[in-house]
């Protein structure tokens, strides 16, 4: 009886009353910078999106997308919970990795959060968790610590003991990850802006200057506290606006600017290159994107090639280089296609348009990816365009406005041809203009537009031009019954990667054993010959 009571105290501690601000801070601590919240209804289905702050204030259950260096486990099986308690928690403690573990609502169900900056170690933990029966939320959403359960079940912390300590754990690990990142210092122009203010008139207002400094701070891995400290320093003229505020108002203003900068950097990652030369390469990628994407042919094959090219351009933008490594699985996840389809498309793109070149293939049995290079059009001076691509592969998860979104899957989804038409509606266009850009008949364009209009994705103005509608693409995917296909594909790919890694480990062990036995026989033969 005592054992049962002790077990109950360990698994179901008292529920702590927390305010909305604490829940918001916990959610922001684990969420990817600039991401939003996905509302969850009583039937555990998605119910729209809003900012994290609005979701907390609504009092509804919600989930956030985890930061790239955050391990998030949703443990609903008994064997997984036992493994977390008896093995994983001890291992993380031995590695001095702080964690937050909570009862997620249903008795025996757990959530675990731990920030692991080392990518190799993070991958090892996630692979072990999958084998133990845990649901690894890599590239997926999860309810933050102490946020409401969708059925109103009680949620409580197991480790640490209270919300204040949980905030301390997540904040300390966040600062640790910032310290691990390389800080290169502000550029000369940013330092001059901070010290002398907007003397050259580059920015239209003091607020724009502060926002530029906030973006520079995010790019250089400086914290909100650093930005607030330097702006409050009377010797820095750029902070005059902040210095005239009271302490609470100044803190709120700087935090808001910093969060806005995080969202901006998340959509347009900084180029980690060598100053102006690197920025010039990024500009060339942006300017050439339209011509490269237009090189895809017409028809279904052309729509496939368009999505594959979009995926390669997205990876190039994220890496910040014309040369990069990308596996077929990564491209397939970004393009929302199968691996065989991606392989055939890349062969076409290498042979015909010539904008894509494979520099190096991986060795047989290797775990490395192919090396690629994007060949820019001659001159790369194409005028100003408005690129809409966003960077990211597996580590950043899917985005609604990429061809990898569930809505654009073939079969139950709308397909790649309709995505290609929809992606061109960043500005209002007529069907004739779309037909010219796509190289297909106007009648075919009308067929795609009518279907997009039927699903509420676009509409026609009185002047005959079509433009996008502000609609939740995930909700449309849910209605079509295609939601979750991207997550299932990523899970399959992770399983395939693990199987390949295990095969390589077994082969290495077999070779090592064979080498060891051969060495022993050689030693015995040498001993006999010496006698």
Protein backbone atom coordinates (compact mmCIF):
# COMPACT_ATOMS: atom_id res chain seq x y z
CA UNK A 1 0.00 0.00 0.00
CA UNK A 2 2.81 2.38 0.85
CA UNK A 3 4.52 1.59 -2.40
CA UNK A 4 1.38 2.45 -4.34
CA UNK A 5 0.99 5.74 -2.50
CA UNK A 6 4.60 6.65 -3.07
CA UNK A 7 4.26 5.83 -6.77
CA UNK A 8 1.16 8.05 -6.98
CA UNK A 9 2.99 10.98 -5.39
CA UNK A 10 5.82 10.64 -7.89
CA UNK A 11 3.59 10.40 -10.97
CA UNK A 12 0.77 12.78 -9.99
CA UNK A 13 2.13 15.68 -7.93
CA UNK A 14 -0.13 18.53 -6.92
CA UNK A 15 -1.30 20.76 -9.76
CA UNK A 16 0.32 24.19 -9.54
CA UNK A 17 -1.76 27.29 -10.25
CA UNK A 18 0.07 29.35 -12.87
CA UNK A 19 -0.88 32.61 -14.55
CA UNK A 20 -1.11 33.26 -18.27
CA UNK A 21 2.20 35.13 -18.35
CA UNK A 22 4.06 32.10 -16.97
CA UNK A 23 2.47 29.78 -19.55
CA UNK A 24 3.38 32.23 -22.31
CA UNK A 25 7.01 32.42 -21.15
CA UNK A 26 7.26 28.62 -21.00
CA UNK A 27 5.80 28.34 -24.50
CA UNK A 28 8.14 30.99 -25.91
CA UNK A 29 11.11 29.26 -24.24
CA UNK A 30 10.62 26.02 -26.18
CA UNK A 31 9.06 27.35 -29.41
CA UNK A 32 10.85 28.06 -32.65
CA UNK A 33 11.50 31.83 -32.95
CA UNK A 34 8.73 33.55 -34.87
CA UNK A 35 6.39 30.53 -34.88
CA UNK A 36 2.72 30.63 -33.96
CA UNK A 37 0.36 28.47 -31.90
CA UNK A 38 -2.00 25.80 -33.25
CA UNK A 39 -5.27 25.66 -31.32
CA UNK A 40 -6.61 22.21 -30.34
CA UNK A 41 -10.32 21.54 -29.84
CA UNK A 42 -11.92 19.04 -27.44
CA UNK A 43 -11.65 16.27 -30.07
CA UNK A 44 -7.85 16.83 -30.30
CA UNK A 45 -8.11 18.34 -33.78
CA UNK A 46 -6.60 21.55 -35.09
CA UNK A 47 -8.84 24.56 -34.64
CA UNK A 48 -6.99 27.44 -36.32
CA UNK A 49 -3.82 29.39 -35.62
CA UNK A 50 -2.91 32.54 -33.75
CA UNK A 51 0.04 34.05 -31.94
CA UNK A 52 1.28 32.33 -28.80
CA UNK A 53 0.22 35.28 -26.65
CA UNK A 54 -3.34 35.23 -28.06
CA UNK A 55 -3.56 31.46 -27.63
CA UNK A 56 -2.53 31.72 -23.97
CA UNK A 57 -5.04 34.49 -23.31
CA UNK A 58 -7.82 32.49 -24.96
CA UNK A 59 -7.42 29.75 -22.34
CA UNK A 60 -7.69 27.06 -25.02
CA UNK A 61 -5.40 24.10 -25.50
CA UNK A 62 -2.66 24.80 -28.04
CA UNK A 63 0.57 23.37 -29.44
CA UNK A 64 3.77 25.04 -30.64
CA UNK A 65 6.54 24.05 -33.02
CA UNK A 66 9.72 23.19 -31.12
CA UNK A 67 13.00 25.04 -31.59
CA UNK A 68 15.58 23.21 -33.68
CA UNK A 69 17.76 22.32 -30.67
CA UNK A 70 14.87 21.21 -28.44
CA UNK A 71 14.10 17.54 -27.79
CA UNK A 72 10.36 17.08 -27.24
CA UNK A 73 8.85 13.71 -26.32
CA UNK A 74 5.14 12.88 -26.10
CA UNK A 75 4.98 9.63 -24.11
CA UNK A 76 1.60 7.87 -24.14
CA UNK A 77 2.76 4.25 -23.71
CA UNK A 78 3.67 2.56 -20.44
CA UNK A 79 6.97 1.12 -21.68
CA UNK A 80 7.99 4.54 -23.01
CA UNK A 81 7.19 6.19 -19.67
CA UNK A 82 9.24 3.58 -17.79
CA UNK A 83 12.18 4.14 -20.13
CA UNK A 84 11.99 7.92 -19.63
CA UNK A 85 11.91 7.59 -15.84
CA UNK A 86 14.46 4.79 -15.42
CA UNK A 87 16.89 5.53 -18.23
CA UNK A 88 16.59 8.81 -20.12
CA UNK A 89 16.26 11.13 -17.13
CA UNK A 90 19.35 9.57 -15.50
CA UNK A 91 21.32 9.88 -18.73
CA UNK A 92 20.40 13.53 -19.22
CA UNK A 93 21.36 14.26 -15.61
CA UNK A 94 24.73 12.55 -16.10
CA UNK A 95 25.31 14.72 -19.20
CA UNK A 96 24.31 17.81 -17.16
CA UNK A 97 21.42 18.57 -19.55
CA UNK A 98 18.55 20.20 -17.61
CA UNK A 99 15.08 18.97 -18.51
CA UNK A 100 11.41 19.64 -17.85
CA UNK A 101 9.19 16.58 -17.36
CA UNK A 102 5.46 16.84 -16.75
CA UNK A 103 2.32 14.75 -16.49
CA UNK A 104 0.61 15.69 -19.74
CA UNK A 105 -2.94 15.04 -18.51
CA UNK A 106 -3.93 11.39 -18.79
CA UNK A 107 -2.46 9.42 -15.85
CA UNK A 108 0.84 7.84 -16.85
CA UNK A 109 1.32 10.06 -19.92
CA UNK A 110 4.40 12.29 -19.96
CA UNK A 111 5.93 15.22 -21.82
CA UNK A 112 9.71 15.77 -21.73
CA UNK A 113 11.55 18.88 -22.92
CA UNK A 114 15.34 19.27 -23.06
CA UNK A 115 17.50 21.61 -25.09
CA UNK A 116 20.38 19.71 -26.71
CA UNK A 117 22.56 22.00 -28.89
CA UNK A 118 24.76 19.15 -30.15
CA UNK A 119 23.01 17.79 -33.25
CA UNK A 120 24.60 14.32 -33.04
CA UNK A 121 23.62 13.83 -29.41
CA UNK A 122 20.11 15.14 -30.09
CA UNK A 123 19.69 12.66 -32.94
CA UNK A 124 20.91 9.77 -30.75
CA UNK A 125 18.40 10.65 -28.02
CA UNK A 126 15.52 10.89 -30.50
CA UNK A 127 16.41 7.54 -32.12
CA UNK A 128 16.59 5.82 -28.73
CA UNK A 129 13.26 7.40 -27.74
CA UNK A 130 11.55 6.05 -30.85
CA UNK A 131 12.79 2.53 -30.14
CA UNK A 132 11.50 2.88 -26.56
CA UNK A 133 8.01 3.68 -27.80
CA UNK A 134 8.03 7.47 -27.38
CA UNK A 135 6.54 9.89 -29.89
CA UNK A 136 9.36 12.23 -30.89
CA UNK A 137 8.07 15.66 -31.85
CA UNK A 138 10.78 16.50 -34.39
CA UNK A 139 9.38 19.01 -36.87
CA UNK A 140 5.97 18.62 -35.23
CA UNK A 141 3.97 20.49 -32.60
CA UNK A 142 3.51 19.71 -28.92
CA UNK A 143 1.70 21.32 -25.99
CA UNK A 144 4.07 23.52 -23.95
CA UNK A 145 4.68 22.83 -20.24
CA UNK A 146 1.68 23.59 -18.00
CA UNK A 147 -0.53 24.61 -20.94
CA UNK A 148 -4.19 23.46 -20.82
CA UNK A 149 -5.16 19.92 -21.82
CA UNK A 150 -7.74 19.74 -24.61
CA UNK A 151 -10.15 17.86 -22.32
CA UNK A 152 -9.35 19.90 -19.23
CA UNK A 153 -7.34 17.13 -17.51
CA UNK A 154 -4.92 18.24 -14.76
CA UNK A 155 -1.35 18.95 -15.88
CA UNK A 156 1.51 19.02 -13.37
CA UNK A 157 5.30 19.12 -13.26
CA UNK A 158 7.41 16.13 -12.26
CA UNK A 159 10.84 17.68 -12.72
CA UNK A 160 11.56 20.39 -11.68
CA UNK A 161 9.17 20.99 -8.82
CA UNK A 162 7.51 24.26 -9.89
CA UNK A 163 7.00 26.63 -12.79
CA UNK A 164 9.64 29.11 -11.62
CA UNK A 165 12.31 26.40 -11.68
CA UNK A 166 11.08 25.19 -15.07
CA UNK A 167 11.47 28.70 -16.45
CA UNK A 168 14.94 28.86 -14.94
CA UNK A 169 15.87 25.53 -16.53
CA UNK A 170 14.68 26.53 -19.99
CA UNK A 171 16.21 30.01 -19.73
CA UNK A 172 19.56 28.66 -18.56
CA UNK A 173 19.71 26.10 -21.34
CA UNK A 174 18.72 28.79 -23.81
CA UNK A 175 21.55 31.02 -22.65
CA UNK A 176 23.89 28.02 -22.84
CA UNK A 177 22.96 27.39 -26.45
CA UNK A 178 23.54 31.06 -27.22
CA UNK A 179 26.96 30.86 -25.61
CA UNK A 180 27.82 27.84 -27.76
CA UNK A 181 27.00 29.75 -30.93
CA UNK A 182 29.72 31.90 -32.43
CA UNK A 183 29.45 35.59 -31.60
CA UNK A 184 31.21 37.67 -34.18
CA UNK A 185 30.26 41.09 -32.88
CA UNK A 186 28.33 43.86 -34.60
CA UNK A 187 29.38 45.04 -38.02
CA UNK A 188 30.95 48.47 -38.42
CA UNK A 189 27.73 50.07 -39.67
CA UNK A 190 25.66 48.57 -36.84
CA UNK A 191 28.18 49.65 -34.22
CA UNK A 192 28.16 53.18 -35.66
CA UNK A 193 24.35 53.19 -35.56
CA UNK A 194 24.37 52.08 -31.92
CA UNK A 195 26.99 54.60 -30.85
CA UNK A 196 26.09 57.67 -32.96
CA UNK A 197 22.43 57.10 -33.79
CA UNK A 198 20.93 57.60 -37.24
CA UNK A 199 23.41 60.29 -38.30
CA UNK A 200 23.48 59.39 -42.00
CA UNK A 201 19.66 59.34 -42.30
CA UNK A 202 19.55 55.71 -43.43
CA UNK A 203 16.50 54.93 -41.29
CA UNK A 204 13.28 56.92 -41.38
CA UNK A 205 12.75 56.87 -37.62
CA UNK A 206 14.40 55.93 -34.35
CA UNK A 207 12.15 52.87 -34.17
CA UNK A 208 13.51 51.55 -37.47
CA UNK A 209 17.06 52.03 -36.19
CA UNK A 210 16.27 50.08 -33.02
CA UNK A 211 14.64 47.33 -35.09
CA UNK A 212 17.79 47.10 -37.24
CA UNK A 213 19.89 46.70 -34.09
CA UNK A 214 17.49 44.03 -32.81
CA UNK A 215 17.87 42.10 -36.08
CA UNK A 216 21.65 42.39 -35.82
CA UNK A 217 21.50 41.10 -32.23
CA UNK A 218 19.47 38.05 -33.29
CA UNK A 219 21.84 37.33 -36.18
CA UNK A 220 24.84 37.52 -33.85
CA UNK A 221 23.22 35.32 -31.15
CA UNK A 222 22.96 38.10 -28.56
CA UNK A 223 20.16 37.92 -26.01
CA UNK A 224 17.25 40.25 -25.20
CA UNK A 225 19.05 41.25 -22.01
CA UNK A 226 22.10 42.37 -24.00
CA UNK A 227 19.97 44.48 -26.34
CA UNK A 228 18.13 46.13 -23.45
CA UNK A 229 21.39 46.84 -21.65
CA UNK A 230 23.13 48.53 -24.59
CA UNK A 231 20.06 50.59 -25.52
CA UNK A 232 19.73 51.86 -21.94
CA UNK A 233 23.37 52.94 -21.90
CA UNK A 234 23.33 56.78 -22.18
CA UNK A 235 26.53 56.68 -24.25
CA UNK A 236 24.65 54.90 -27.08
CA UNK A 237 22.61 57.53 -28.93
CA UNK A 238 20.52 54.94 -30.77
CA UNK A 239 18.76 54.15 -27.50
CA UNK A 240 17.43 57.66 -26.80
CA UNK A 241 13.83 56.53 -27.34
CA UNK A 242 14.22 53.62 -24.92
CA UNK A 243 16.09 55.74 -22.36
CA UNK A 244 13.12 58.13 -22.08
CA UNK A 245 10.74 55.30 -21.11
CA UNK A 246 10.22 53.91 -17.62
CA UNK A 247 11.84 50.58 -16.83
CA UNK A 248 8.77 48.42 -17.46
CA UNK A 249 7.83 50.13 -20.71
CA UNK A 250 11.41 49.99 -21.98
CA UNK A 251 11.64 46.27 -21.23
CA UNK A 252 8.35 45.57 -23.01
CA UNK A 253 9.37 47.63 -26.06
CA UNK A 254 12.78 45.96 -26.43
CA UNK A 255 11.33 42.45 -26.00
CA UNK A 256 8.73 43.20 -28.68
CA UNK A 257 11.43 44.45 -31.08
CA UNK A 258 13.57 41.40 -30.37
CA UNK A 259 10.69 38.97 -31.01
CA UNK A 260 9.86 40.76 -34.25
CA UNK A 261 13.51 40.41 -35.29
CA UNK A 262 13.43 36.69 -34.46
CA UNK A 263 10.42 36.23 -36.74
CA UNK A 264 12.15 38.17 -39.52
CA UNK A 265 15.38 36.15 -39.23
CA UNK A 266 13.42 32.89 -39.15
CA UNK A 267 11.91 33.74 -42.55
CA UNK A 268 15.17 35.12 -44.00
CA UNK A 269 18.12 33.43 -42.27
CA UNK A 270 21.31 35.50 -42.06
CA UNK A 271 24.09 34.69 -44.48
CA UNK A 272 26.99 33.30 -42.42
CA UNK A 273 29.51 34.18 -45.08
CA UNK A 274 32.09 36.88 -45.51
CA UNK A 275 30.28 40.20 -45.48
CA UNK A 276 29.52 41.95 -48.75
CA UNK A 277 30.67 39.06 -50.94
CA UNK A 278 28.28 36.66 -49.23
CA UNK A 279 25.42 39.17 -49.44
CA UNK A 280 26.10 39.51 -53.16
CA UNK A 281 25.71 35.75 -53.62
CA UNK A 282 22.43 35.80 -51.69
CA UNK A 283 21.17 38.63 -53.88
CA UNK A 284 22.06 36.63 -56.99
CA UNK A 285 20.07 33.65 -55.72
CA UNK A 286 17.06 35.88 -55.08
CA UNK A 287 17.26 37.58 -58.46
CA UNK A 288 17.77 34.33 -60.36
CA UNK A 289 15.02 32.39 -58.58
CA UNK A 290 12.25 33.49 -60.97
CA UNK A 291 14.21 32.57 -64.11
CA UNK A 292 15.32 29.23 -62.64
CA UNK A 293 11.80 28.29 -61.61
CA UNK A 294 10.43 29.36 -64.98
CA UNK A 295 12.82 26.88 -66.66
CA UNK A 296 10.61 24.00 -65.50
CA UNK A 297 8.56 22.67 -68.40
CA UNK A 298 4.80 22.46 -68.72
CA UNK A 299 2.45 19.68 -67.70
CA UNK A 300 2.65 17.42 -64.67
CA UNK A 301 6.37 16.78 -65.12
CA UNK A 302 6.97 20.52 -65.28
CA UNK A 303 5.04 21.04 -62.04
CA UNK A 304 7.16 18.33 -60.39
CA UNK A 305 10.39 19.95 -61.63
CA UNK A 306 9.13 23.32 -60.37
CA UNK A 307 8.67 21.93 -56.85
CA UNK A 308 12.06 20.20 -56.87
CA UNK A 309 13.77 23.40 -58.01
CA UNK A 310 11.93 25.30 -55.27
CA UNK A 311 13.26 22.84 -52.71
CA UNK A 312 16.86 23.21 -53.94
CA UNK A 313 16.60 27.00 -53.92
CA UNK A 314 15.19 26.89 -50.38
CA UNK A 315 18.15 24.81 -49.20
CA UNK A 316 20.62 27.13 -50.94
CA UNK A 317 19.05 30.13 -49.24
CA UNK A 318 19.13 28.43 -45.84
CA UNK A 319 22.76 27.34 -46.18
CA UNK A 320 23.74 30.64 -47.78
CA UNK A 321 25.75 29.15 -50.61
CA UNK A 322 25.40 28.08 -54.21
CA UNK A 323 26.98 24.76 -53.22
CA UNK A 324 25.34 22.62 -50.57
CA UNK A 325 24.58 19.08 -49.47
CA UNK A 326 21.07 17.69 -49.88
CA UNK A 327 19.82 14.11 -49.83
CA UNK A 328 16.94 12.89 -51.95
CA UNK A 329 14.90 12.43 -48.76
CA UNK A 330 15.42 16.06 -47.73
CA UNK A 331 14.38 17.32 -51.17
CA UNK A 332 11.39 14.97 -51.16
CA UNK A 333 10.22 16.33 -47.80
CA UNK A 334 10.49 19.94 -48.95
CA UNK A 335 8.89 19.27 -52.33
CA UNK A 336 6.16 16.97 -50.98
CA UNK A 337 7.08 14.18 -53.40
CA UNK A 338 8.28 10.60 -53.18
CA UNK A 339 11.98 9.77 -53.46
CA UNK A 340 11.70 8.00 -56.86
CA UNK A 341 9.84 11.00 -58.27
CA UNK A 342 12.52 13.38 -56.96
CA UNK A 343 15.28 11.20 -58.45
CA UNK A 344 13.67 11.24 -61.92
CA UNK A 345 13.04 14.99 -61.70
CA UNK A 346 16.63 15.76 -60.74
CA UNK A 347 17.87 13.78 -63.74
CA UNK A 348 15.68 15.90 -66.02
CA UNK A 349 16.82 19.15 -64.38
CA UNK A 350 20.50 18.22 -64.71
CA UNK A 351 20.15 17.34 -68.41
CA UNK A 352 17.81 20.00 -69.79
CA UNK A 353 17.72 23.44 -68.09
CA UNK A 354 21.26 23.08 -66.75
CA UNK A 355 20.62 25.19 -63.62
CA UNK A 356 21.19 22.19 -61.32
CA UNK A 357 24.44 20.25 -61.13
CA UNK A 358 25.42 17.31 -58.96
CA UNK A 359 29.00 17.88 -57.83
CA UNK A 360 29.53 14.66 -55.90
CA UNK A 361 27.58 11.52 -55.23
CA UNK A 362 27.80 9.83 -51.82
CA UNK A 363 29.88 6.67 -51.63
CA UNK A 364 28.02 3.35 -51.59
CA UNK A 365 26.93 2.65 -48.02
CA UNK A 366 27.81 6.17 -46.83
CA UNK A 367 25.44 8.26 -44.72
CA UNK A 368 26.43 11.58 -46.30
CA UNK A 369 24.25 13.44 -48.81
CA UNK A 370 24.90 14.35 -52.43
CA UNK A 371 26.69 17.63 -53.09
CA UNK A 372 24.84 20.04 -55.38
CA UNK A 373 25.46 23.37 -57.03
CA UNK A 374 22.96 25.83 -58.47
CA UNK A 375 24.14 27.32 -61.75
CA UNK A 376 22.90 30.87 -62.07
CA UNK A 377 21.75 32.26 -65.43
CA UNK A 378 24.36 34.17 -67.40
CA UNK A 379 24.98 37.56 -65.82
CA UNK A 380 22.45 37.04 -63.02
CA UNK A 381 21.29 40.63 -63.49
CA UNK A 382 17.60 40.07 -63.90
CA UNK A 383 15.98 43.08 -62.33
CA UNK A 384 14.13 43.20 -59.04
CA UNK A 385 11.98 40.22 -58.16
CA UNK A 386 10.07 39.31 -55.05
CA UNK A 387 11.25 35.86 -53.98
CA UNK A 388 8.83 34.01 -51.74
CA UNK A 389 10.98 31.01 -50.89
CA UNK A 390 11.74 30.25 -47.26
CA UNK A 391 14.76 28.27 -46.10
CA UNK A 392 14.78 25.03 -44.22
CA UNK A 393 14.85 21.25 -44.55
CA UNK A 394 14.11 18.64 -41.89
CA UNK A 395 15.43 20.77 -39.05
CA UNK A 396 12.93 23.56 -39.73
CA UNK A 397 9.91 21.46 -40.46
CA UNK A 398 7.26 22.08 -43.06
CA UNK A 399 5.85 25.49 -43.98
CA UNK A 400 2.42 26.17 -45.43
CA UNK A 401 3.74 28.17 -48.37
CA UNK A 402 6.14 25.49 -49.65
CA UNK A 403 5.25 22.66 -52.04
CA UNK A 404 5.84 20.22 -49.16
CA UNK A 405 2.63 21.33 -47.38
CA UNK A 406 0.06 18.55 -47.04
CA UNK A 407 -2.50 20.42 -49.14
CA UNK A 408 -0.35 20.18 -52.27
CA UNK A 409 0.20 16.42 -52.09
CA UNK A 410 -0.93 14.38 -55.04
CA UNK A 411 -3.83 11.97 -54.69
CA UNK A 412 -6.25 13.39 -52.14
CA UNK A 413 -4.50 16.79 -52.21
CA UNK A 414 -4.71 19.46 -54.88
CA UNK A 415 -1.46 18.48 -56.58
CA UNK A 416 1.65 20.27 -57.76
CA UNK A 417 0.19 21.91 -60.86
CA UNK A 418 -2.28 23.85 -58.74
CA UNK A 419 0.48 24.73 -56.28
CA UNK A 420 2.50 26.14 -59.17
CA UNK A 421 -0.41 28.36 -60.21
CA UNK A 422 -1.12 29.39 -56.60
CA UNK A 423 2.55 30.20 -55.93
CA UNK A 424 2.52 32.78 -58.73
CA UNK A 425 -0.37 34.70 -57.18
CA UNK A 426 1.87 36.71 -54.85
CA UNK A 427 0.57 39.69 -56.82
CA UNK A 428 -2.72 39.92 -58.77
CA UNK A 429 -2.48 38.36 -62.24
CA UNK A 430 -4.87 37.56 -65.05
CA UNK A 431 -5.29 34.04 -66.43
CA UNK A 432 -3.49 35.15 -69.61
CA UNK A 433 -0.47 36.39 -67.62
CA UNK A 434 -0.34 33.10 -65.72
CA UNK A 435 -0.60 31.18 -68.99
CA UNK A 436 2.40 33.07 -70.40
CA UNK A 437 4.49 32.49 -67.27
CA UNK A 438 3.63 28.77 -67.08
CA UNK A 439 3.81 28.00 -70.78
CA UNK A 440 0.42 26.23 -70.76
CA UNK A 441 -2.96 26.94 -72.35
CA UNK A 442 -5.26 29.53 -70.84
CA UNK A 443 -7.99 26.90 -70.59
CA UNK A 444 -5.76 24.76 -68.33
CA UNK A 445 -5.00 27.78 -66.16
CA UNK A 446 -8.74 28.43 -65.78
CA UNK A 447 -9.29 24.83 -64.65
CA UNK A 448 -6.67 25.25 -61.90
CA UNK A 449 -8.01 28.65 -60.85
CA UNK A 450 -11.58 27.42 -60.59
CA UNK A 451 -10.54 24.56 -58.32
CA UNK A 452 -8.44 26.93 -56.16
CA UNK A 453 -11.39 29.31 -55.97
CA UNK A 454 -13.72 26.46 -55.02
CA UNK A 455 -11.42 25.60 -52.09
CA UNK A 456 -11.28 29.25 -51.02
CA UNK A 457 -7.58 29.71 -51.88
CA UNK A 458 -7.97 32.53 -54.42
CA UNK A 459 -10.58 34.86 -55.88
CA UNK A 460 -11.01 37.14 -58.89
CA UNK A 461 -11.30 40.92 -58.61
CA UNK A 462 -13.67 43.05 -60.64
CA UNK A 463 -10.84 43.87 -63.04
CA UNK A 464 -10.38 40.16 -63.87
CA UNK A 465 -7.19 39.62 -61.88
CA UNK A 466 -6.74 36.72 -59.50
CA UNK A 467 -5.10 36.93 -56.08
CA UNK A 468 -4.63 34.72 -53.03
CA UNK A 469 -7.06 34.58 -50.12
CA UNK A 470 -6.02 34.54 -46.49
CA UNK A 471 -6.99 30.99 -45.54
CA UNK A 472 -5.62 28.29 -43.23
CA UNK A 473 -4.08 25.71 -45.58
CA UNK A 474 -4.00 23.08 -42.84
CA UNK A 475 -7.76 23.42 -42.42
CA UNK A 476 -8.26 22.81 -46.15
CA UNK A 477 -5.93 19.80 -45.96
CA UNK A 478 -7.99 18.45 -43.05
CA UNK A 479 -11.19 18.74 -45.08
CA UNK A 480 -9.54 16.86 -47.95
CA UNK A 481 -8.31 14.11 -45.60
CA UNK A 482 -4.64 14.62 -46.51
CA UNK A 483 -3.44 16.27 -43.29
CA UNK A 484 -0.45 14.63 -41.63
CA UNK A 485 1.00 13.07 -44.77
CA UNK A 486 4.16 15.19 -44.53
CA UNK A 487 4.70 14.15 -40.90
CA UNK A 488 4.23 10.50 -41.86
CA UNK A 489 6.75 10.87 -44.67
CA UNK A 490 9.31 12.43 -42.33
CA UNK A 491 8.74 9.59 -39.84
CA UNK A 492 9.30 7.01 -42.61
CA UNK A 493 12.50 8.73 -43.65
CA UNK A 494 13.77 8.81 -40.06
CA UNK A 495 13.06 5.09 -39.78
CA UNK A 496 14.90 4.42 -43.06
CA UNK A 497 17.89 6.46 -41.88
CA UNK A 498 18.03 4.51 -38.63
CA UNK A 499 17.79 1.18 -40.46
CA UNK A 500 20.65 2.22 -42.75
CA UNK A 501 22.72 3.37 -39.78
CA UNK A 502 22.14 0.04 -38.02
CA UNK A 503 23.12 -1.86 -41.16
CA UNK A 504 26.34 0.12 -41.40
CA UNK A 505 27.09 -0.49 -37.70
CA UNK A 506 26.56 -4.24 -38.10
CA UNK A 507 28.77 -4.28 -41.18
CA UNK A 508 31.49 -2.37 -39.33
CA UNK A 509 31.25 -4.75 -36.38
CA UNK A 510 31.48 -7.76 -38.69
CA UNK A 511 34.50 -6.32 -40.47
CA UNK A 512 36.09 -5.51 -37.12
CA UNK A 513 35.54 -9.07 -35.90
CA UNK A 514 36.93 -10.53 -39.11
CA UNK A 515 39.95 -8.25 -38.89
CA UNK A 516 40.49 -9.27 -35.26
CA UNK A 517 40.38 -13.00 -36.03
CA UNK A 518 42.71 -12.51 -39.00
CA UNK A 519 45.17 -10.64 -36.77
CA UNK A 520 45.08 -13.45 -34.20
CA UNK A 521 45.81 -16.06 -36.89
CA UNK A 522 48.70 -13.98 -38.19
CA UNK A 523 50.12 -13.65 -34.68
CA UNK A 524 49.85 -17.42 -34.13
CA UNK A 525 51.57 -18.13 -37.44
CA UNK A 526 54.39 -15.73 -36.57
CA UNK A 527 54.83 -17.42 -33.18
CA UNK A 528 55.02 -20.87 -34.80
CA UNK A 529 57.53 -19.65 -37.36
CA UNK A 530 59.70 -18.07 -34.66
CA UNK A 531 59.84 -21.39 -32.80
